[in-house]
Amino acid sequence: MLERYLSLVECIGPIISKIERNKSSQERAPPMTSAEEEEIAGDIRDLLAPLCQVTTETSAEKGVTISKCIPPR
């Protein structure tokens, strides 16, 4: 989900500003993320990438072998 947000962040900005300009809307638009927050989100995505890869690989198989559970030395 984080990767999807980071790939669409350039499209989200204009949409949020359009919502804020629309006076007929009763709800307020959510605040836009800052450049620093986007950088932190990118760092978090990079840190979690190996876990995502392992989860995807192990959940794709019916039975996981021990060689995938215990890392080689």
C-alpha atoms as a PDB file:
ATOM      1  CA  MET A   1       0.000   0.000   0.000  1.00  0.00           C
ATOM      2  CA  LEU A   2       2.855   2.345   0.812  1.00  0.00           C
ATOM      3  CA  GLU A   3       4.489   1.688  -2.532  1.00  0.00           C
ATOM      4  CA  ARG A   4       1.223   2.404  -4.337  1.00  0.00           C
ATOM      5  CA  TYR A   5       0.828   5.715  -2.494  1.00  0.00           C
ATOM      6  CA  LEU A   6       4.383   6.747  -3.339  1.00  0.00           C
ATOM      7  CA  SER A   7       3.831   5.935  -7.000  1.00  0.00           C
ATOM      8  CA  LEU A   8       0.636   8.045  -7.086  1.00  0.00           C
ATOM      9  CA  VAL A   9       1.716  10.954  -4.875  1.00  0.00           C
ATOM     10  CA  GLU A  10       2.139  13.273  -7.861  1.00  0.00           C
ATOM     11  CA  CYS A  11      -1.467  12.623  -8.907  1.00  0.00           C
ATOM     12  CA  ILE A  12      -2.883  13.002  -5.403  1.00  0.00           C
ATOM     13  CA  GLY A  13      -1.733  16.618  -4.899  1.00  0.00           C
ATOM     14  CA  PRO A  14      -3.878  18.162  -7.646  1.00  0.00           C
ATOM     15  CA  ILE A  15      -6.890  16.116  -6.572  1.00  0.00           C
ATOM     16  CA  ILE A  16      -6.616  17.319  -2.972  1.00  0.00           C
ATOM     17  CA  SER A  17      -6.214  20.943  -4.077  1.00  0.00           C
ATOM     18  CA  LYS A  18      -9.291  20.576  -6.307  1.00  0.00           C
ATOM     19  CA  ILE A  19     -11.291  19.266  -3.325  1.00  0.00           C
ATOM     20  CA  GLU A  20     -10.168  22.236  -1.218  1.00  0.00           C
ATOM     21  CA  ARG A  21     -11.292  24.701  -3.906  1.00  0.00           C
ATOM     22  CA  ASN A  22     -14.677  23.070  -4.281  1.00  0.00           C
ATOM     23  CA  LYS A  23     -16.976  25.113  -2.008  1.00  0.00           C
ATOM     24  CA  SER A  24     -19.924  22.714  -2.358  1.00  0.00           C
ATOM     25  CA  SER A  25     -18.041  19.998  -0.492  1.00  0.00           C
ATOM     26  CA  GLN A  26     -19.067  19.717   3.149  1.00  0.00           C
ATOM     27  CA  GLU A  27     -15.986  17.783   4.180  1.00  0.00           C
ATOM     28  CA  ARG A  28     -12.482  19.150   4.371  1.00  0.00           C
ATOM     29  CA  ALA A  29      -9.748  17.584   2.292  1.00  0.00           C
ATOM     30  CA  PRO A  30      -7.068  15.637   4.179  1.00  0.00           C
ATOM     31  CA  PRO A  31      -3.731  17.397   4.594  1.00  0.00           C
ATOM     32  CA  MET A  32      -1.124  16.642   1.948  1.00  0.00           C
ATOM     33  CA  THR A  33       2.066  14.878   3.005  1.00  0.00           C
ATOM     34  CA  SER A  34       5.244  16.941   3.094  1.00  0.00           C
ATOM     35  CA  ALA A  35       8.385  16.116   1.125  1.00  0.00           C
ATOM     36  CA  GLU A  36      10.044  14.955   4.342  1.00  0.00           C
ATOM     37  CA  GLU A  37       7.153  12.587   5.111  1.00  0.00           C
ATOM     38  CA  GLU A  38       7.322  11.194   1.574  1.00  0.00           C
ATOM     39  CA  GLU A  39      11.055  10.590   1.997  1.00  0.00           C
ATOM     40  CA  ILE A  40      10.443   8.781   5.297  1.00  0.00           C
ATOM     41  CA  ALA A  41       7.731   6.681   3.642  1.00  0.00           C
ATOM     42  CA  GLY A  42      10.212   5.740   0.907  1.00  0.00           C
ATOM     43  CA  ASP A  43      12.772   4.714   3.515  1.00  0.00           C
ATOM     44  CA  ILE A  44      10.184   2.592   5.334  1.00  0.00           C
ATOM     45  CA  ARG A  45       9.200   0.948   2.049  1.00  0.00           C
ATOM     46  CA  ASP A  46      12.860   0.099   1.380  1.00  0.00           C
ATOM     47  CA  LEU A  47      13.277  -1.359   4.878  1.00  0.00           C
ATOM     48  CA  LEU A  48      10.167  -3.516   4.576  1.00  0.00           C
ATOM     49  CA  ALA A  49      10.900  -4.750   1.031  1.00  0.00           C
ATOM     50  CA  PRO A  50      12.778  -7.915   2.148  1.00  0.00           C
ATOM     51  CA  LEU A  51       9.907  -8.860   4.473  1.00  0.00           C
ATOM     52  CA  CYS A  52       7.438  -8.366   1.644  1.00  0.00           C
ATOM     53  CA  GLN A  53       9.510 -10.595  -0.625  1.00  0.00           C
ATOM     54  CA  VAL A  54       9.734 -13.368   1.993  1.00  0.00           C
ATOM     55  CA  THR A  55       6.017 -13.166   2.763  1.00  0.00           C
ATOM     56  CA  THR A  56       5.101 -13.338  -0.906  1.00  0.00           C
ATOM     57  CA  GLU A  57       7.428 -16.274  -1.544  1.00  0.00           C
ATOM     58  CA  THR A  58       6.345 -18.350   1.445  1.00  0.00           C
ATOM     59  CA  SER A  59       2.626 -17.697   1.045  1.00  0.00           C
ATOM     60  CA  ALA A  60       2.713 -18.772  -2.602  1.00  0.00           C
ATOM     61  CA  GLU A  61       3.637 -22.318  -1.653  1.00  0.00           C
ATOM     62  CA  LYS A  62       1.551 -24.889   0.140  1.00  0.00           C
ATOM     63  CA  GLY A  63       4.466 -26.167   2.205  1.00  0.00           C
ATOM     64  CA  VAL A  64       7.612 -24.247   3.020  1.00  0.00           C
ATOM     65  CA  THR A  65      10.877 -26.154   3.184  1.00  0.00           C
ATOM     66  CA  ILE A  66      13.214 -25.710   6.149  1.00  0.00           C
ATOM     67  CA  SER A  67      15.906 -24.283   3.864  1.00  0.00           C
ATOM     68  CA  LYS A  68      13.714 -21.237   3.313  1.00  0.00           C
ATOM     69  CA  CYS A  69      12.999 -20.839   7.024  1.00  0.00           C
ATOM     70  CA  ILE A  70      16.602 -21.022   8.239  1.00  0.00           C
ATOM     71  CA  PRO A  71      18.976 -18.669   6.405  1.00  0.00           C
ATOM     72  CA  PRO A  72      22.324 -20.117   5.249  1.00  0.00           C
ATOM     73  CA  ARG A  73      25.466 -19.105   7.114  1.00  0.00           C
END
